[in-house]
Amino acid sequence: MHTGHIVVMTTFEKRENADRVAQTLVERRLAACVQILGPMTSVYRWQGKIETAGELLCLIKTRRALFPQVEKTIAELHPYAVPELIAVPVEMGGASYLKWVDEQTS
């Protein structure tokens, strides 16, 4: 049972960039909450080379209908040429929490 809610994930190299995007998303009511986790290590291929970098992971709690605006905001503010942007559906959740997400993103 899909609730209409999603968690969007993106990563940042610098804390100040993660903080700025999180603040902007919440201020614009595009996210109810953004959790910034890390530091963590990411291993990936970029421009033909395997890279290793320290990053922070943002978990953005929002509604599916707002994804296009979340995507646009991240594209505007993110320093990466190709930022991670992955959304996963919330299949189930606490009714009061999901109601709070709706209230904060309306």
N, C-alpha and C. Protein backbone atom coordinates (compact mmCIF):
# COMPACT_ATOMS: atom_id res chain seq x y z
N MET A 1 0.85 -1.19 0.00
CA MET A 1 0.00 0.00 0.00
C MET A 1 0.88 1.23 0.00
N HIS A 2 0.93 1.98 -1.10
CA HIS A 2 1.75 3.18 -1.20
C HIS A 2 1.00 4.34 -0.55
N THR A 3 1.73 5.13 0.23
CA THR A 3 1.09 6.21 0.98
C THR A 3 1.10 7.55 0.26
N GLY A 4 1.83 7.66 -0.86
CA GLY A 4 1.96 8.95 -1.51
C GLY A 4 3.14 9.75 -1.00
N HIS A 5 3.88 9.14 -0.09
CA HIS A 5 5.06 9.77 0.49
C HIS A 5 6.32 9.10 -0.07
N ILE A 6 7.41 9.86 -0.12
CA ILE A 6 8.69 9.33 -0.59
C ILE A 6 9.81 9.83 0.31
N VAL A 7 10.92 9.12 0.24
CA VAL A 7 12.17 9.58 0.84
C VAL A 7 13.13 9.75 -0.33
N VAL A 8 13.63 10.97 -0.49
CA VAL A 8 14.58 11.28 -1.55
C VAL A 8 15.98 11.28 -0.93
N MET A 9 16.92 10.66 -1.63
CA MET A 9 18.30 10.61 -1.15
C MET A 9 19.20 11.40 -2.08
N THR A 10 20.12 12.15 -1.48
CA THR A 10 21.17 12.82 -2.22
C THR A 10 22.39 12.91 -1.31
N THR A 11 23.57 13.09 -1.90
CA THR A 11 24.81 13.15 -1.13
C THR A 11 25.55 14.44 -1.43
N PHE A 12 26.37 14.83 -0.46
CA PHE A 12 27.18 16.04 -0.56
C PHE A 12 28.57 15.77 -0.01
N GLU A 13 29.55 16.47 -0.56
CA GLU A 13 30.91 16.39 -0.04
C GLU A 13 31.07 17.28 1.19
N LYS A 14 30.42 18.44 1.18
CA LYS A 14 30.62 19.43 2.25
C LYS A 14 29.34 19.65 3.05
N ARG A 15 29.52 19.75 4.36
CA ARG A 15 28.39 19.94 5.28
C ARG A 15 27.60 21.20 4.96
N GLU A 16 28.29 22.29 4.62
CA GLU A 16 27.57 23.54 4.38
C GLU A 16 26.63 23.43 3.18
N ASN A 17 27.00 22.64 2.18
CA ASN A 17 26.10 22.43 1.04
C ASN A 17 24.88 21.62 1.44
N ALA A 18 25.09 20.57 2.24
CA ALA A 18 23.97 19.76 2.73
C ALA A 18 23.04 20.60 3.58
N ASP A 19 23.63 21.41 4.47
CA ASP A 19 22.82 22.27 5.33
C ASP A 19 21.99 23.26 4.52
N ARG A 20 22.60 23.85 3.48
CA ARG A 20 21.90 24.86 2.67
C ARG A 20 20.72 24.23 1.93
N VAL A 21 20.93 23.06 1.34
CA VAL A 21 19.84 22.39 0.62
C VAL A 21 18.74 21.97 1.59
N ALA A 22 19.12 21.40 2.72
CA ALA A 22 18.12 20.97 3.72
C ALA A 22 17.28 22.16 4.17
N GLN A 23 17.93 23.25 4.52
CA GLN A 23 17.24 24.45 4.98
C GLN A 23 16.29 24.98 3.90
N THR A 24 16.75 25.03 2.68
CA THR A 24 15.94 25.54 1.58
C THR A 24 14.71 24.67 1.34
N LEU A 25 14.89 23.36 1.33
CA LEU A 25 13.77 22.45 1.10
C LEU A 25 12.71 22.59 2.18
N VAL A 26 13.14 22.70 3.43
CA VAL A 26 12.17 22.84 4.53
C VAL A 26 11.52 24.22 4.50
N GLU A 27 12.32 25.28 4.24
CA GLU A 27 11.75 26.63 4.16
C GLU A 27 10.69 26.73 3.07
N ARG A 28 10.94 26.09 1.94
CA ARG A 28 10.00 26.14 0.81
C ARG A 28 8.84 25.16 0.95
N ARG A 29 8.80 24.43 2.06
CA ARG A 29 7.77 23.41 2.32
C ARG A 29 7.79 22.28 1.30
N LEU A 30 8.97 22.01 0.75
CA LEU A 30 9.14 20.89 -0.17
C LEU A 30 9.52 19.63 0.58
N ALA A 31 9.93 19.76 1.83
CA ALA A 31 10.27 18.63 2.68
C ALA A 31 9.80 18.93 4.10
N ALA A 32 9.31 17.91 4.77
CA ALA A 32 8.93 18.06 6.17
C ALA A 32 10.17 17.98 7.06
N CYS A 33 11.14 17.18 6.62
CA CYS A 33 12.34 16.93 7.40
C CYS A 33 13.44 16.47 6.46
N VAL A 34 14.66 16.92 6.73
CA VAL A 34 15.83 16.42 6.02
C VAL A 34 16.83 15.98 7.06
N GLN A 35 17.18 14.73 7.04
CA GLN A 35 18.20 14.21 7.95
C GLN A 35 19.53 14.15 7.21
N ILE A 36 20.57 14.65 7.87
CA ILE A 36 21.91 14.65 7.28
C ILE A 36 22.75 13.64 8.06
N LEU A 37 23.15 12.58 7.37
CA LEU A 37 23.87 11.47 7.99
C LEU A 37 25.31 11.43 7.49
N GLY A 38 26.20 11.00 8.33
CA GLY A 38 27.58 10.83 7.89
C GLY A 38 28.54 11.39 8.91
N PRO A 39 29.77 11.42 8.57
CA PRO A 39 30.32 11.14 7.26
C PRO A 39 30.31 9.65 6.92
N MET A 40 30.37 9.40 5.63
CA MET A 40 30.43 8.04 5.11
C MET A 40 31.41 8.04 3.94
N THR A 41 31.75 6.86 3.47
CA THR A 41 32.65 6.73 2.33
C THR A 41 31.88 6.21 1.14
N SER A 42 32.04 6.88 0.01
CA SER A 42 31.42 6.44 -1.24
C SER A 42 32.51 6.02 -2.21
N VAL A 43 32.30 4.89 -2.87
CA VAL A 43 33.22 4.40 -3.91
C VAL A 43 32.40 4.33 -5.19
N TYR A 44 32.90 4.98 -6.24
CA TYR A 44 32.13 5.08 -7.48
C TYR A 44 33.06 5.31 -8.66
N ARG A 45 32.52 5.10 -9.85
CA ARG A 45 33.29 5.35 -11.07
C ARG A 45 32.87 6.72 -11.60
N TRP A 46 33.85 7.57 -11.89
CA TRP A 46 33.58 8.89 -12.44
C TRP A 46 34.64 9.22 -13.48
N GLN A 47 34.18 9.52 -14.68
CA GLN A 47 35.05 9.88 -15.80
C GLN A 47 36.15 8.83 -16.02
N GLY A 48 35.74 7.55 -15.96
CA GLY A 48 36.63 6.45 -16.27
C GLY A 48 37.54 5.99 -15.15
N LYS A 49 37.46 6.64 -13.99
CA LYS A 49 38.32 6.24 -12.86
C LYS A 49 37.47 5.86 -11.66
N ILE A 50 37.96 4.94 -10.86
CA ILE A 50 37.29 4.61 -9.61
C ILE A 50 37.74 5.61 -8.56
N GLU A 51 36.77 6.26 -7.95
CA GLU A 51 37.01 7.31 -6.97
C GLU A 51 36.52 6.85 -5.59
N THR A 52 37.11 7.40 -4.57
CA THR A 52 36.67 7.21 -3.19
C THR A 52 36.56 8.59 -2.57
N ALA A 53 35.42 8.87 -1.95
CA ALA A 53 35.22 10.21 -1.38
C ALA A 53 34.43 10.11 -0.08
N GLY A 54 34.70 11.03 0.82
CA GLY A 54 33.88 11.20 2.01
C GLY A 54 32.66 12.02 1.64
N GLU A 55 31.50 11.57 2.07
CA GLU A 55 30.27 12.27 1.74
C GLU A 55 29.31 12.24 2.92
N LEU A 56 28.27 13.06 2.82
CA LEU A 56 27.15 13.08 3.74
C LEU A 56 25.91 12.68 2.96
N LEU A 57 25.02 11.94 3.58
CA LEU A 57 23.79 11.49 2.94
C LEU A 57 22.62 12.26 3.52
N CYS A 58 21.79 12.83 2.64
CA CYS A 58 20.57 13.50 3.07
C CYS A 58 19.37 12.61 2.76
N LEU A 59 18.53 12.43 3.75
CA LEU A 59 17.25 11.73 3.59
C LEU A 59 16.15 12.78 3.68
N ILE A 60 15.46 12.99 2.57
CA ILE A 60 14.49 14.07 2.45
C ILE A 60 13.09 13.47 2.51
N LYS A 61 12.33 13.80 3.54
CA LYS A 61 10.98 13.26 3.73
C LYS A 61 9.98 14.20 3.07
N THR A 62 9.25 13.70 2.08
CA THR A 62 8.34 14.56 1.34
C THR A 62 7.20 13.75 0.73
N ARG A 63 6.41 14.42 -0.10
CA ARG A 63 5.32 13.76 -0.81
C ARG A 63 5.71 13.55 -2.26
N ARG A 64 5.24 12.47 -2.84
CA ARG A 64 5.53 12.11 -4.23
C ARG A 64 5.23 13.25 -5.19
N ALA A 65 4.15 13.97 -4.98
CA ALA A 65 3.75 15.05 -5.88
C ALA A 65 4.77 16.19 -5.90
N LEU A 66 5.59 16.29 -4.87
CA LEU A 66 6.56 17.39 -4.80
C LEU A 66 7.92 17.02 -5.40
N PHE A 67 8.07 15.78 -5.86
CA PHE A 67 9.38 15.36 -6.38
C PHE A 67 9.93 16.29 -7.46
N PRO A 68 9.14 16.71 -8.46
CA PRO A 68 9.71 17.60 -9.48
C PRO A 68 10.29 18.89 -8.90
N GLN A 69 9.65 19.46 -7.89
CA GLN A 69 10.15 20.68 -7.27
C GLN A 69 11.39 20.40 -6.41
N VAL A 70 11.40 19.26 -5.74
CA VAL A 70 12.58 18.86 -4.96
C VAL A 70 13.76 18.68 -5.91
N GLU A 71 13.52 17.99 -7.01
CA GLU A 71 14.57 17.76 -8.01
C GLU A 71 15.11 19.08 -8.55
N LYS A 72 14.23 20.01 -8.88
CA LYS A 72 14.65 21.31 -9.40
C LYS A 72 15.48 22.08 -8.37
N THR A 73 15.06 22.08 -7.13
CA THR A 73 15.78 22.79 -6.08
C THR A 73 17.17 22.19 -5.87
N ILE A 74 17.26 20.87 -5.84
CA ILE A 74 18.56 20.22 -5.68
C ILE A 74 19.46 20.55 -6.87
N ALA A 75 18.91 20.52 -8.08
CA ALA A 75 19.70 20.85 -9.27
C ALA A 75 20.23 22.28 -9.21
N GLU A 76 19.42 23.20 -8.69
CA GLU A 76 19.82 24.60 -8.58
C GLU A 76 20.96 24.80 -7.59
N LEU A 77 20.92 24.07 -6.48
CA LEU A 77 21.82 24.35 -5.36
C LEU A 77 22.98 23.38 -5.23
N HIS A 78 22.92 22.24 -5.88
CA HIS A 78 23.93 21.19 -5.67
C HIS A 78 25.20 21.49 -6.45
N PRO A 79 26.36 21.34 -5.81
CA PRO A 79 27.62 21.62 -6.51
C PRO A 79 28.08 20.50 -7.46
N TYR A 80 27.55 19.29 -7.34
CA TYR A 80 27.98 18.19 -8.20
C TYR A 80 27.42 18.36 -9.61
N ALA A 81 28.19 17.95 -10.61
CA ALA A 81 27.72 17.95 -11.99
C ALA A 81 26.55 16.99 -12.16
N VAL A 82 26.62 15.84 -11.49
CA VAL A 82 25.56 14.83 -11.54
C VAL A 82 25.25 14.39 -10.11
N PRO A 83 24.39 15.13 -9.41
CA PRO A 83 24.09 14.75 -8.04
C PRO A 83 23.25 13.48 -7.97
N GLU A 84 23.49 12.70 -6.94
CA GLU A 84 22.61 11.55 -6.68
C GLU A 84 21.22 12.09 -6.39
N LEU A 85 20.24 11.49 -6.99
CA LEU A 85 18.85 11.86 -6.73
C LEU A 85 18.02 10.62 -6.93
N ILE A 86 17.68 9.98 -5.81
CA ILE A 86 16.94 8.72 -5.83
C ILE A 86 15.77 8.86 -4.86
N ALA A 87 14.58 8.51 -5.32
CA ALA A 87 13.40 8.54 -4.46
C ALA A 87 12.89 7.12 -4.26
N VAL A 88 12.57 6.80 -3.03
CA VAL A 88 11.98 5.50 -2.73
C VAL A 88 10.62 5.73 -2.07
N PRO A 89 9.62 4.94 -2.46
CA PRO A 89 8.29 5.12 -1.88
C PRO A 89 8.23 4.66 -0.43
N VAL A 90 7.40 5.33 0.32
CA VAL A 90 7.09 4.91 1.69
C VAL A 90 5.88 4.00 1.57
N GLU A 91 6.09 2.72 1.79
CA GLU A 91 5.00 1.76 1.65
C GLU A 91 4.03 1.81 2.83
N MET A 92 4.58 2.00 4.02
CA MET A 92 3.76 2.10 5.22
C MET A 92 4.43 3.07 6.16
N GLY A 93 3.65 3.65 7.07
CA GLY A 93 4.21 4.56 8.06
C GLY A 93 3.17 4.87 9.11
N GLY A 94 3.65 5.44 10.20
CA GLY A 94 2.74 5.84 11.26
C GLY A 94 1.79 6.92 10.77
N ALA A 95 0.52 6.75 11.01
CA ALA A 95 -0.49 7.68 10.51
C ALA A 95 -0.22 9.10 10.98
N SER A 96 0.14 9.27 12.23
CA SER A 96 0.37 10.63 12.74
C SER A 96 1.62 11.25 12.11
N TYR A 97 2.64 10.44 11.86
CA TYR A 97 3.85 10.96 11.21
C TYR A 97 3.55 11.38 9.78
N LEU A 98 2.86 10.54 9.03
CA LEU A 98 2.54 10.85 7.65
C LEU A 98 1.62 12.08 7.55
N LYS A 99 0.73 12.21 8.50
CA LYS A 99 -0.12 13.40 8.55
C LYS A 99 0.75 14.64 8.78
N TRP A 100 1.73 14.53 9.67
CA TRP A 100 2.65 15.65 9.93
C TRP A 100 3.43 16.01 8.67
N VAL A 101 3.91 15.02 7.92
CA VAL A 101 4.62 15.28 6.66
C VAL A 101 3.70 16.06 5.73
N ASP A 102 2.44 15.64 5.61
CA ASP A 102 1.49 16.33 4.75
C ASP A 102 1.30 17.79 5.19
N GLU A 103 1.15 17.99 6.50
CA GLU A 103 0.94 19.34 7.02
C GLU A 103 2.15 20.23 6.75
N GLN A 104 3.33 19.69 6.89
CA GLN A 104 4.54 20.50 6.74
C GLN A 104 4.89 20.78 5.27
N THR A 105 4.29 20.03 4.37
CA THR A 105 4.60 20.21 2.95
C THR A 105 3.39 20.72 2.17
N SER A 106 2.48 21.36 2.87
CA SER A 106 1.27 21.91 2.24
C SER A 106 1.30 23.43 2.30
